[in-house]
Amino acid sequence: MSAAATEPTGGIGRWIRNPWARPRFLWVVGIAYVLWTLVPIGIAVLFSFNATRSLTSWQGFSLRWYVGDVSSVWHDPELRAVLVQSLKLSTLTVLIAVPFGVAFALALDRWRGRGSGTANFLMLFSFITPEIAIGVALFLFFAKLITSIGLGFPAQVLGVAMYEMAYPVIVVRARLLSIGKEYEEAAMDLGASPTRSLRRVLLPLLAPAIFASVAIVFATSIDNFVISQQLCSNASCQTIPILIYASARTGPLPSLNALASLALLASTLVIAVSFTIYRRSVRRGEASRVTRAALPL
C-alpha cells in the first residue's frame, strides 16, 4: 500500500497533519490575547471619565476626576506629587539604565576571556530571580550597608535602574549579533580609530535597539511596585503603584483611574516617539544603502 493511501484524508486529516496551516485559528488566538490584555485596561480608562464616584456603574462622560473635582489629579496635591515622582523615577532610570546597559552589552559582546560566562549569567540574574527577593535584598543593602544613601528616592532610582539594566543589555546584544563586526572592521580598515568607528558607525546602527530599550525601560519602571515600595521611606517617594496599592483597602476613587491613565498615556507617548525614531532611522539606513548601490564603481 502506498504512503499516500495511508495518510488521513479530508479536512480532519489535513488538520491533524498540520493544525497550524489555516491562519484563521491563529487569528482567533491573537485576537483573544489582545482582548484579554486590553479590555481590563480599557475599562479602567473608561471609568476614569465617569461622572460619579462609581467604579462599576457608568453614569456619563466627565473630566471631573482629571481637572474638575477637589479629588481630581489636577487639584489633589498628593496625586500630583505621586505623578511627578513616578515620571522622575522613570526618566532617571532611563538615563542610568540605558547608557550603562548599552556599555555592558558592548563589553559582553567583546569579552572572550575567563569570566565571560559568569558575566553573561549575572546579566540575566534579574530575570531569573523573583523581584520580591531583589527588592528585599536591596532594602537590606541600602538600610544596613549603604547607610549614607539610606532608603528614599535615591535608593529607588539606583535599585530600579539596576533591575531594569538587563533589558537594554539583551536588546542591544541581539542587535549586535544581527549587525556583526564587518562594519566596524571596514571603518578601521579605512583609517578610523576604534573609538571613532564605535561613535560614527556602530552607535548609529544600534540606534533602533537603543530607542527600543528606552521605551521598554520607561514603560516597565513607571509601574514598578515591588522594588519601589521596598525602598520607599515615606510619602515623599510614593509612586503611582504604591499609592494605588495603599488605597485599595479604602475604596479608591476614579481619580486613581485617571492617575493610572495618565501614566499609561506617558508610556504610550514614549513608545510612540521611540517607534517613530526607529522607523525613520531604518528608512534613512535603507535610503543610504540604495544611494551607495546606485553610485558608479
C-alpha atoms as a PDB file:
ATOM      1  CA  MET A   1       0.000   0.000   0.000  1.00  0.00           C
ATOM      2  CA  SER A   2       1.359   3.416  -0.931  1.00  0.00           C
ATOM      3  CA  ALA A   3       2.213   6.055   1.660  1.00  0.00           C
ATOM      4  CA  ALA A   4      -0.329   8.456   0.196  1.00  0.00           C
ATOM      5  CA  ALA A   5      -3.128   5.930   0.708  1.00  0.00           C
ATOM      6  CA  THR A   6      -2.274   5.503   4.386  1.00  0.00           C
ATOM      7  CA  GLU A   7      -2.401   9.218   5.202  1.00  0.00           C
ATOM      8  CA  PRO A   8      -5.632  10.623   6.670  1.00  0.00           C
ATOM      9  CA  THR A   9      -7.869  12.205   4.084  1.00  0.00           C
ATOM     10  CA  GLY A  10     -10.377  15.027   4.204  1.00  0.00           C
ATOM     11  CA  GLY A  11     -10.401  18.184   6.287  1.00  0.00           C
ATOM     12  CA  ILE A  12      -9.833  16.416   9.620  1.00  0.00           C
ATOM     13  CA  GLY A  13      -6.865  14.529   8.226  1.00  0.00           C
ATOM     14  CA  ARG A  14      -5.235  17.678   6.889  1.00  0.00           C
ATOM     15  CA  TRP A  15      -5.761  19.417  10.219  1.00  0.00           C
ATOM     16  CA  ILE A  16      -4.134  16.500  12.076  1.00  0.00           C
ATOM     17  CA  ARG A  17      -1.114  16.624   9.779  1.00  0.00           C
ATOM     18  CA  ASN A  18      -0.744  20.394  10.125  1.00  0.00           C
ATOM     19  CA  PRO A  19      -3.110  22.062  12.643  1.00  0.00           C
ATOM     20  CA  TRP A  20      -1.441  25.477  12.109  1.00  0.00           C
ATOM     21  CA  ALA A  21      -1.822  25.568   8.343  1.00  0.00           C
ATOM     22  CA  ARG A  22      -5.035  27.598   8.463  1.00  0.00           C
ATOM     23  CA  PRO A  23      -4.392  31.170   9.629  1.00  0.00           C
ATOM     24  CA  ARG A  24      -7.930  31.548  10.947  1.00  0.00           C
ATOM     25  CA  PHE A  25      -7.148  29.678  14.144  1.00  0.00           C
ATOM     26  CA  LEU A  26      -4.053  31.783  14.759  1.00  0.00           C
ATOM     27  CA  TRP A  27      -6.093  34.942  14.257  1.00  0.00           C
ATOM     28  CA  VAL A  28      -8.556  33.728  16.884  1.00  0.00           C
ATOM     29  CA  VAL A  29      -5.754  33.141  19.365  1.00  0.00           C
ATOM     30  CA  GLY A  30      -4.196  36.526  18.595  1.00  0.00           C
ATOM     31  CA  ILE A  31      -7.457  38.454  18.895  1.00  0.00           C
ATOM     32  CA  ALA A  32      -8.359  36.631  22.124  1.00  0.00           C
ATOM     33  CA  TYR A  33      -4.994  37.523  23.630  1.00  0.00           C
ATOM     34  CA  VAL A  34      -5.318  41.185  22.644  1.00  0.00           C
ATOM     35  CA  LEU A  35      -8.830  41.368  24.110  1.00  0.00           C
ATOM     36  CA  TRP A  36      -7.755  39.619  27.308  1.00  0.00           C
ATOM     37  CA  THR A  37      -4.933  42.132  27.683  1.00  0.00           C
ATOM     38  CA  LEU A  38      -6.594  45.372  26.622  1.00  0.00           C
ATOM     39  CA  VAL A  39     -10.198  45.068  27.804  1.00  0.00           C
ATOM     40  CA  PRO A  40      -9.392  45.471  31.555  1.00  0.00           C
ATOM     41  CA  ILE A  41      -7.173  48.446  30.736  1.00  0.00           C
ATOM     42  CA  GLY A  42      -9.904  49.947  28.573  1.00  0.00           C
ATOM     43  CA  ILE A  43     -12.443  49.563  31.385  1.00  0.00           C
ATOM     44  CA  ALA A  44     -10.126  51.265  33.882  1.00  0.00           C
ATOM     45  CA  VAL A  45      -9.514  54.163  31.484  1.00  0.00           C
ATOM     46  CA  LEU A  46     -13.223  54.417  30.692  1.00  0.00           C
ATOM     47  CA  PHE A  47     -14.242  54.768  34.338  1.00  0.00           C
ATOM     48  CA  SER A  48     -11.669  57.497  34.849  1.00  0.00           C
ATOM     49  CA  PHE A  49     -14.116  59.604  32.790  1.00  0.00           C
ATOM     50  CA  ASN A  50     -17.176  58.547  34.812  1.00  0.00           C
ATOM     51  CA  ALA A  51     -19.350  61.387  36.081  1.00  0.00           C
ATOM     52  CA  THR A  52     -19.853  59.786  39.510  1.00  0.00           C
ATOM     53  CA  ARG A  53     -17.698  58.031  42.105  1.00  0.00           C
ATOM     54  CA  SER A  54     -18.857  54.600  40.982  1.00  0.00           C
ATOM     55  CA  LEU A  55     -16.282  52.217  39.565  1.00  0.00           C
ATOM     56  CA  THR A  56     -18.894  49.738  38.353  1.00  0.00           C
ATOM     57  CA  SER A  57     -21.816  51.801  37.027  1.00  0.00           C
ATOM     58  CA  TRP A  58     -21.353  54.180  34.104  1.00  0.00           C
ATOM     59  CA  GLN A  59     -23.163  57.481  34.698  1.00  0.00           C
ATOM     60  CA  GLY A  60     -21.942  59.622  31.819  1.00  0.00           C
ATOM     61  CA  PHE A  61     -18.785  61.193  30.456  1.00  0.00           C
ATOM     62  CA  SER A  62     -16.948  63.788  32.544  1.00  0.00           C
ATOM     63  CA  LEU A  63     -13.449  65.175  33.132  1.00  0.00           C
ATOM     64  CA  ARG A  64     -14.264  65.527  36.810  1.00  0.00           C
ATOM     65  CA  TRP A  65     -11.526  63.215  38.015  1.00  0.00           C
ATOM     66  CA  TYR A  66      -8.864  64.876  35.894  1.00  0.00           C
ATOM     67  CA  VAL A  67      -9.486  68.591  36.458  1.00  0.00           C
ATOM     68  CA  GLY A  68     -12.917  69.255  37.940  1.00  0.00           C
ATOM     69  CA  ASP A  69     -13.285  67.689  41.395  1.00  0.00           C
ATOM     70  CA  VAL A  70     -11.346  68.604  44.536  1.00  0.00           C
ATOM     71  CA  SER A  71     -10.107  64.997  44.500  1.00  0.00           C
ATOM     72  CA  SER A  72      -9.035  65.186  40.853  1.00  0.00           C
ATOM     73  CA  VAL A  73      -5.462  64.735  39.718  1.00  0.00           C
ATOM     74  CA  TRP A  74      -5.172  68.437  38.973  1.00  0.00           C
ATOM     75  CA  HIS A  75      -6.424  69.686  42.357  1.00  0.00           C
ATOM     76  CA  ASP A  76      -5.187  66.961  44.731  1.00  0.00           C
ATOM     77  CA  PRO A  77      -1.571  67.766  45.695  1.00  0.00           C
ATOM     78  CA  GLU A  78      -0.894  64.166  46.702  1.00  0.00           C
ATOM     79  CA  LEU A  79      -1.912  62.822  43.298  1.00  0.00           C
ATOM     80  CA  ARG A  80       0.131  65.486  41.502  1.00  0.00           C
ATOM     81  CA  ALA A  81       3.163  64.710  43.633  1.00  0.00           C
ATOM     82  CA  VAL A  82       2.820  60.989  43.001  1.00  0.00           C
ATOM     83  CA  LEU A  83       2.541  61.534  39.237  1.00  0.00           C
ATOM     84  CA  VAL A  84       5.609  63.779  39.175  1.00  0.00           C
ATOM     85  CA  GLN A  85       7.509  61.302  41.354  1.00  0.00           C
ATOM     86  CA  SER A  86       6.731  58.417  39.002  1.00  0.00           C
ATOM     87  CA  LEU A  87       7.800  60.412  35.945  1.00  0.00           C
ATOM     88  CA  LYS A  88      11.027  61.477  37.679  1.00  0.00           C
ATOM     89  CA  LEU A  89      11.793  57.894  38.688  1.00  0.00           C
ATOM     90  CA  SER A  90      11.165  56.564  35.176  1.00  0.00           C
ATOM     91  CA  THR A  91      13.174  59.317  33.478  1.00  0.00           C
ATOM     92  CA  LEU A  92      16.178  58.961  35.775  1.00  0.00           C
ATOM     93  CA  THR A  93      16.014  55.186  35.459  1.00  0.00           C
ATOM     94  CA  VAL A  94      16.186  55.518  31.663  1.00  0.00           C
ATOM     95  CA  LEU A  95      19.119  57.951  31.899  1.00  0.00           C
ATOM     96  CA  ILE A  96      21.056  55.492  34.070  1.00  0.00           C
ATOM     97  CA  ALA A  97      19.974  52.039  32.890  1.00  0.00           C
ATOM     98  CA  VAL A  98      20.117  52.554  29.123  1.00  0.00           C
ATOM     99  CA  PRO A  99      23.660  54.025  28.796  1.00  0.00           C
ATOM    100  CA  PHE A 100      25.094  51.514  31.266  1.00  0.00           C
ATOM    101  CA  GLY A 101      23.127  48.707  29.625  1.00  0.00           C
ATOM    102  CA  VAL A 102      24.475  49.627  26.181  1.00  0.00           C
ATOM    103  CA  ALA A 103      28.031  49.763  27.541  1.00  0.00           C
ATOM    104  CA  PHE A 104      27.540  46.437  29.315  1.00  0.00           C
ATOM    105  CA  ALA A 105      26.204  44.858  26.107  1.00  0.00           C
ATOM    106  CA  LEU A 106      29.228  46.106  24.139  1.00  0.00           C
ATOM    107  CA  ALA A 107      31.579  44.765  26.823  1.00  0.00           C
ATOM    108  CA  LEU A 108      29.912  41.351  26.848  1.00  0.00           C
ATOM    109  CA  ASP A 109      29.971  41.212  23.070  1.00  0.00           C
ATOM    110  CA  ARG A 110      33.739  41.749  23.030  1.00  0.00           C
ATOM    111  CA  TRP A 111      34.656  39.774  26.146  1.00  0.00           C
ATOM    112  CA  ARG A 112      36.060  36.392  25.219  1.00  0.00           C
ATOM    113  CA  GLY A 113      38.263  35.675  28.236  1.00  0.00           C
ATOM    114  CA  ARG A 114      37.811  33.946  31.556  1.00  0.00           C
ATOM    115  CA  GLY A 115      34.716  35.032  33.432  1.00  0.00           C
ATOM    116  CA  SER A 116      32.661  35.982  30.380  1.00  0.00           C
ATOM    117  CA  GLY A 117      30.202  33.164  31.058  1.00  0.00           C
ATOM    118  CA  THR A 118      29.698  34.347  34.645  1.00  0.00           C
ATOM    119  CA  ALA A 119      29.137  37.897  33.434  1.00  0.00           C
ATOM    120  CA  ASN A 120      26.515  36.668  30.966  1.00  0.00           C
ATOM    121  CA  PHE A 121      24.763  34.823  33.790  1.00  0.00           C
ATOM    122  CA  LEU A 122      24.807  37.903  36.018  1.00  0.00           C
ATOM    123  CA  MET A 123      23.302  39.883  33.162  1.00  0.00           C
ATOM    124  CA  LEU A 124      20.279  37.563  33.283  1.00  0.00           C
ATOM    125  CA  PHE A 125      20.183  37.471  37.086  1.00  0.00           C
ATOM    126  CA  SER A 126      17.322  39.935  37.428  1.00  0.00           C
ATOM    127  CA  PHE A 127      15.200  37.819  35.061  1.00  0.00           C
ATOM    128  CA  ILE A 128      15.650  34.511  36.866  1.00  0.00           C
ATOM    129  CA  THR A 129      15.425  35.930  40.399  1.00  0.00           C
ATOM    130  CA  PRO A 130      11.973  36.785  41.825  1.00  0.00           C
ATOM    131  CA  GLU A 131      11.547  40.524  42.053  1.00  0.00           C
ATOM    132  CA  ILE A 132      10.496  40.301  45.695  1.00  0.00           C
ATOM    133  CA  ALA A 133      13.863  38.708  46.513  1.00  0.00           C
ATOM    134  CA  ILE A 134      15.685  41.511  44.707  1.00  0.00           C
ATOM    135  CA  GLY A 135      13.534  44.083  46.499  1.00  0.00           C
ATOM    136  CA  VAL A 136      14.278  42.637  49.952  1.00  0.00           C
ATOM    137  CA  ALA A 137      17.992  42.360  49.131  1.00  0.00           C
ATOM    138  CA  LEU A 138      18.109  45.985  48.000  1.00  0.00           C
ATOM    139  CA  PHE A 139      16.201  47.038  51.126  1.00  0.00           C
ATOM    140  CA  LEU A 140      18.794  45.374  53.383  1.00  0.00           C
ATOM    141  CA  PHE A 141      21.618  46.731  51.222  1.00  0.00           C
ATOM    142  CA  PHE A 142      20.560  50.375  51.492  1.00  0.00           C
ATOM    143  CA  ALA A 143      19.190  50.159  55.041  1.00  0.00           C
ATOM    144  CA  LYS A 144      22.083  48.269  56.657  1.00  0.00           C
ATOM    145  CA  LEU A 145      25.169  48.614  54.447  1.00  0.00           C
ATOM    146  CA  ILE A 146      24.935  51.833  52.424  1.00  0.00           C
ATOM    147  CA  THR A 147      23.517  53.951  55.220  1.00  0.00           C
ATOM    148  CA  SER A 148      24.923  57.114  53.653  1.00  0.00           C
ATOM    149  CA  ILE A 149      22.256  56.765  50.950  1.00  0.00           C
ATOM    150  CA  GLY A 150      19.580  55.028  53.005  1.00  0.00           C
ATOM    151  CA  LEU A 151      16.030  54.484  51.911  1.00  0.00           C
ATOM    152  CA  GLY A 152      14.210  57.028  49.784  1.00  0.00           C
ATOM    153  CA  PHE A 153      14.173  58.381  46.264  1.00  0.00           C
ATOM    154  CA  PRO A 154      17.936  57.996  45.512  1.00  0.00           C
ATOM    155  CA  ALA A 155      17.773  54.357  46.592  1.00  0.00           C
ATOM    156  CA  GLN A 156      14.684  53.867  44.409  1.00  0.00           C
ATOM    157  CA  VAL A 157      16.461  55.269  41.366  1.00  0.00           C
ATOM    158  CA  LEU A 158      19.567  53.144  41.880  1.00  0.00           C
ATOM    159  CA  GLY A 159      17.615  49.984  42.693  1.00  0.00           C
ATOM    160  CA  VAL A 160      15.136  50.213  39.806  1.00  0.00           C
ATOM    161  CA  ALA A 161      17.926  51.194  37.384  1.00  0.00           C
ATOM    162  CA  MET A 162      19.915  48.119  38.430  1.00  0.00           C
ATOM    163  CA  TYR A 163      16.887  45.905  37.896  1.00  0.00           C
ATOM    164  CA  GLU A 164      15.988  47.454  34.531  1.00  0.00           C
ATOM    165  CA  MET A 165      19.527  47.386  33.159  1.00  0.00           C
ATOM    166  CA  ALA A 166      19.089  43.833  31.870  1.00  0.00           C
ATOM    167  CA  TYR A 167      16.537  44.952  29.260  1.00  0.00           C
ATOM    168  CA  PRO A 168      18.871  47.181  27.204  1.00  0.00           C
ATOM    169  CA  VAL A 169      21.635  44.600  27.575  1.00  0.00           C
ATOM    170  CA  ILE A 170      19.510  41.888  25.964  1.00  0.00           C
ATOM    171  CA  VAL A 171      18.020  44.147  23.268  1.00  0.00           C
ATOM    172  CA  VAL A 172      21.365  45.695  22.284  1.00  0.00           C
ATOM    173  CA  ARG A 173      23.182  42.355  22.310  1.00  0.00           C
ATOM    174  CA  ALA A 174      20.582  40.921  19.952  1.00  0.00           C
ATOM    175  CA  ARG A 175      21.142  43.879  17.642  1.00  0.00           C
ATOM    176  CA  LEU A 176      24.916  43.405  17.842  1.00  0.00           C
ATOM    177  CA  LEU A 177      24.575  39.765  16.814  1.00  0.00           C
ATOM    178  CA  SER A 178      22.486  40.754  13.783  1.00  0.00           C
ATOM    179  CA  ILE A 179      24.902  43.524  12.732  1.00  0.00           C
ATOM    180  CA  GLY A 180      28.122  41.577  13.010  1.00  0.00           C
ATOM    181  CA  LYS A 181      31.591  43.100  13.140  1.00  0.00           C
ATOM    182  CA  GLU A 182      32.036  43.815   9.429  1.00  0.00           C
ATOM    183  CA  TYR A 183      31.044  47.497   9.601  1.00  0.00           C
ATOM    184  CA  GLU A 184      33.462  48.312  12.410  1.00  0.00           C
ATOM    185  CA  GLU A 185      36.264  46.378  10.749  1.00  0.00           C
ATOM    186  CA  ALA A 186      35.625  48.154   7.440  1.00  0.00           C
ATOM    187  CA  ALA A 187      35.715  51.551   9.185  1.00  0.00           C
ATOM    188  CA  MET A 188      39.010  50.722  10.887  1.00  0.00           C
ATOM    189  CA  ASP A 189      40.436  49.427   7.597  1.00  0.00           C
ATOM    190  CA  LEU A 190      39.645  52.866   6.134  1.00  0.00           C
ATOM    191  CA  GLY A 191      41.625  54.561   8.894  1.00  0.00           C
ATOM    192  CA  ALA A 192      39.105  55.169  11.660  1.00  0.00           C
ATOM    193  CA  SER A 193      40.211  54.602  15.231  1.00  0.00           C
ATOM    194  CA  PRO A 194      38.272  52.085  17.361  1.00  0.00           C
ATOM    195  CA  THR A 195      36.641  54.935  19.275  1.00  0.00           C
ATOM    196  CA  ARG A 196      35.683  56.793  16.097  1.00  0.00           C
ATOM    197  CA  SER A 197      34.305  53.635  14.476  1.00  0.00           C
ATOM    198  CA  LEU A 198      32.242  52.995  17.591  1.00  0.00           C
ATOM    199  CA  ARG A 199      30.867  56.541  17.634  1.00  0.00           C
ATOM    200  CA  ARG A 200      30.348  57.086  13.906  1.00  0.00           C
ATOM    201  CA  VAL A 201      29.459  53.571  12.709  1.00  0.00           C
ATOM    202  CA  LEU A 202      28.316  51.201  15.433  1.00  0.00           C
ATOM    203  CA  LEU A 203      26.211  53.503  17.608  1.00  0.00           C
ATOM    204  CA  PRO A 204      24.094  54.747  14.654  1.00  0.00           C
ATOM    205  CA  LEU A 205      23.493  51.105  13.723  1.00  0.00           C
ATOM    206  CA  LEU A 206      22.467  50.430  17.329  1.00  0.00           C
ATOM    207  CA  ALA A 207      20.041  53.375  17.394  1.00  0.00           C
ATOM    208  CA  PRO A 208      16.890  51.239  16.862  1.00  0.00           C
ATOM    209  CA  ALA A 209      17.860  48.941  19.743  1.00  0.00           C
ATOM    210  CA  ILE A 210      18.711  51.900  21.975  1.00  0.00           C
ATOM    211  CA  PHE A 211      15.385  53.625  21.359  1.00  0.00           C
ATOM    212  CA  ALA A 212      13.555  50.342  21.912  1.00  0.00           C
ATOM    213  CA  SER A 213      15.411  49.986  25.214  1.00  0.00           C
ATOM    214  CA  VAL A 214      14.342  53.495  26.224  1.00  0.00           C
ATOM    215  CA  ALA A 215      10.694  52.625  25.582  1.00  0.00           C
ATOM    216  CA  ILE A 216      10.891  49.305  27.435  1.00  0.00           C
ATOM    217  CA  VAL A 217      12.718  50.695  30.463  1.00  0.00           C
ATOM    218  CA  PHE A 218      10.409  53.704  30.790  1.00  0.00           C
ATOM    219  CA  ALA A 219       7.243  51.617  30.463  1.00  0.00           C
ATOM    220  CA  THR A 220       8.364  48.978  32.956  1.00  0.00           C
ATOM    221  CA  SER A 221       9.850  51.365  35.520  1.00  0.00           C
ATOM    222  CA  ILE A 222       6.879  53.728  35.702  1.00  0.00           C
ATOM    223  CA  ASP A 223       4.702  50.902  37.035  1.00  0.00           C
ATOM    224  CA  ASN A 224       7.365  49.124  39.104  1.00  0.00           C
ATOM    225  CA  PHE A 225       5.927  48.321  42.515  1.00  0.00           C
ATOM    226  CA  VAL A 226       7.979  45.771  44.441  1.00  0.00           C
ATOM    227  CA  ILE A 227      11.377  47.483  44.382  1.00  0.00           C
ATOM    228  CA  SER A 228       9.915  50.993  44.614  1.00  0.00           C
ATOM    229  CA  GLN A 229       7.804  50.016  47.614  1.00  0.00           C
ATOM    230  CA  GLN A 230      10.658  48.272  49.414  1.00  0.00           C
ATOM    231  CA  LEU A 231      12.964  51.264  49.017  1.00  0.00           C
ATOM    232  CA  CYS A 232      10.382  53.945  49.825  1.00  0.00           C
ATOM    233  CA  SER A 233      10.863  55.502  53.246  1.00  0.00           C
ATOM    234  CA  ASN A 234       7.945  57.947  53.457  1.00  0.00           C
ATOM    235  CA  ALA A 235       5.153  59.582  51.477  1.00  0.00           C
ATOM    236  CA  SER A 236       7.579  61.837  49.605  1.00  0.00           C
ATOM    237  CA  CYS A 237       8.845  58.916  47.481  1.00  0.00           C
ATOM    238  CA  GLN A 238       5.468  57.325  46.783  1.00  0.00           C
ATOM    239  CA  THR A 239       4.855  56.343  43.163  1.00  0.00           C
ATOM    240  CA  ILE A 240       1.606  55.583  41.367  1.00  0.00           C
ATOM    241  CA  PRO A 241       1.656  51.791  42.009  1.00  0.00           C
ATOM    242  CA  ILE A 242       2.416  52.356  45.706  1.00  0.00           C
ATOM    243  CA  LEU A 243      -0.471  54.809  46.087  1.00  0.00           C
ATOM    244  CA  ILE A 244      -2.897  52.531  44.240  1.00  0.00           C
ATOM    245  CA  TYR A 245      -1.906  49.602  46.459  1.00  0.00           C
ATOM    246  CA  ALA A 246      -2.302  51.693  49.620  1.00  0.00           C
ATOM    247  CA  SER A 247      -5.733  52.940  48.502  1.00  0.00           C
ATOM    248  CA  ALA A 248      -7.086  49.532  47.500  1.00  0.00           C
ATOM    249  CA  ARG A 249      -8.431  48.812  51.006  1.00  0.00           C
ATOM    250  CA  THR A 250     -10.172  52.159  51.468  1.00  0.00           C
ATOM    251  CA  GLY A 251     -12.348  52.265  48.358  1.00  0.00           C
ATOM    252  CA  PRO A 252     -10.384  54.087  45.650  1.00  0.00           C
ATOM    253  CA  LEU A 253     -11.896  56.983  43.759  1.00  0.00           C
ATOM    254  CA  PRO A 254     -11.962  57.210  39.939  1.00  0.00           C
ATOM    255  CA  SER A 255      -9.208  59.804  40.301  1.00  0.00           C
ATOM    256  CA  LEU A 256      -6.825  56.874  40.778  1.00  0.00           C
ATOM    257  CA  ASN A 257      -8.048  55.534  37.443  1.00  0.00           C
ATOM    258  CA  ALA A 258      -7.305  58.950  35.982  1.00  0.00           C
ATOM    259  CA  LEU A 259      -3.838  58.881  37.546  1.00  0.00           C
ATOM    260  CA  ALA A 260      -3.121  55.433  36.115  1.00  0.00           C
ATOM    261  CA  SER A 261      -4.469  56.575  32.735  1.00  0.00           C
ATOM    262  CA  LEU A 262      -2.021  59.479  32.698  1.00  0.00           C
ATOM    263  CA  ALA A 263       0.828  57.059  33.437  1.00  0.00           C
ATOM    264  CA  LEU A 264      -0.401  54.869  30.585  1.00  0.00           C
ATOM    265  CA  LEU A 265      -0.502  57.925  28.319  1.00  0.00           C
ATOM    266  CA  ALA A 266       3.071  58.844  29.235  1.00  0.00           C
ATOM    267  CA  SER A 267       4.291  55.312  28.476  1.00  0.00           C
ATOM    268  CA  THR A 268       2.380  55.270  25.191  1.00  0.00           C
ATOM    269  CA  LEU A 269       3.893  58.590  24.127  1.00  0.00           C
ATOM    270  CA  VAL A 270       7.421  57.406  24.904  1.00  0.00           C
ATOM    271  CA  ILE A 271       6.843  54.168  22.988  1.00  0.00           C
ATOM    272  CA  ALA A 272       5.324  56.065  20.043  1.00  0.00           C
ATOM    273  CA  VAL A 273       8.235  58.526  19.889  1.00  0.00           C
ATOM    274  CA  SER A 274      10.775  55.688  20.112  1.00  0.00           C
ATOM    275  CA  PHE A 275       8.980  53.753  17.389  1.00  0.00           C
ATOM    276  CA  THR A 276       8.839  56.826  15.140  1.00  0.00           C
ATOM    277  CA  ILE A 277      12.547  57.464  15.572  1.00  0.00           C
ATOM    278  CA  TYR A 278      13.235  53.794  14.933  1.00  0.00           C
ATOM    279  CA  ARG A 279      11.245  53.819  11.684  1.00  0.00           C
ATOM    280  CA  ARG A 280      12.991  56.965  10.496  1.00  0.00           C
ATOM    281  CA  SER A 281      16.422  55.529  11.272  1.00  0.00           C
ATOM    282  CA  VAL A 282      15.546  52.358   9.363  1.00  0.00           C
ATOM    283  CA  ARG A 283      14.333  54.375   6.374  1.00  0.00           C
ATOM    284  CA  ARG A 284      17.473  56.540   6.402  1.00  0.00           C
ATOM    285  CA  GLY A 285      19.595  53.410   6.505  1.00  0.00           C
ATOM    286  CA  GLU A 286      17.728  51.886   3.574  1.00  0.00           C
ATOM    287  CA  ALA A 287      17.967  55.126   1.598  1.00  0.00           C
ATOM    288  CA  SER A 288      21.707  55.372   2.209  1.00  0.00           C
ATOM    289  CA  ARG A 289      22.203  51.774   1.088  1.00  0.00           C
ATOM    290  CA  VAL A 290      20.220  52.412  -2.085  1.00  0.00           C
ATOM    291  CA  THR A 291      22.249  55.564  -2.769  1.00  0.00           C
ATOM    292  CA  ARG A 292      25.550  53.751  -2.301  1.00  0.00           C
ATOM    293  CA  ALA A 293      24.375  50.926  -4.554  1.00  0.00           C
ATOM    294  CA  ALA A 294      23.444  53.420  -7.291  1.00  0.00           C
ATOM    295  CA  LEU A 295      26.838  55.124  -7.290  1.00  0.00           C
ATOM    296  CA  PRO A 296      29.208  54.113 -10.091  1.00  0.00           C
ATOM    297  CA  LEU A 297      32.179  51.999  -9.146  1.00  0.00           C
END
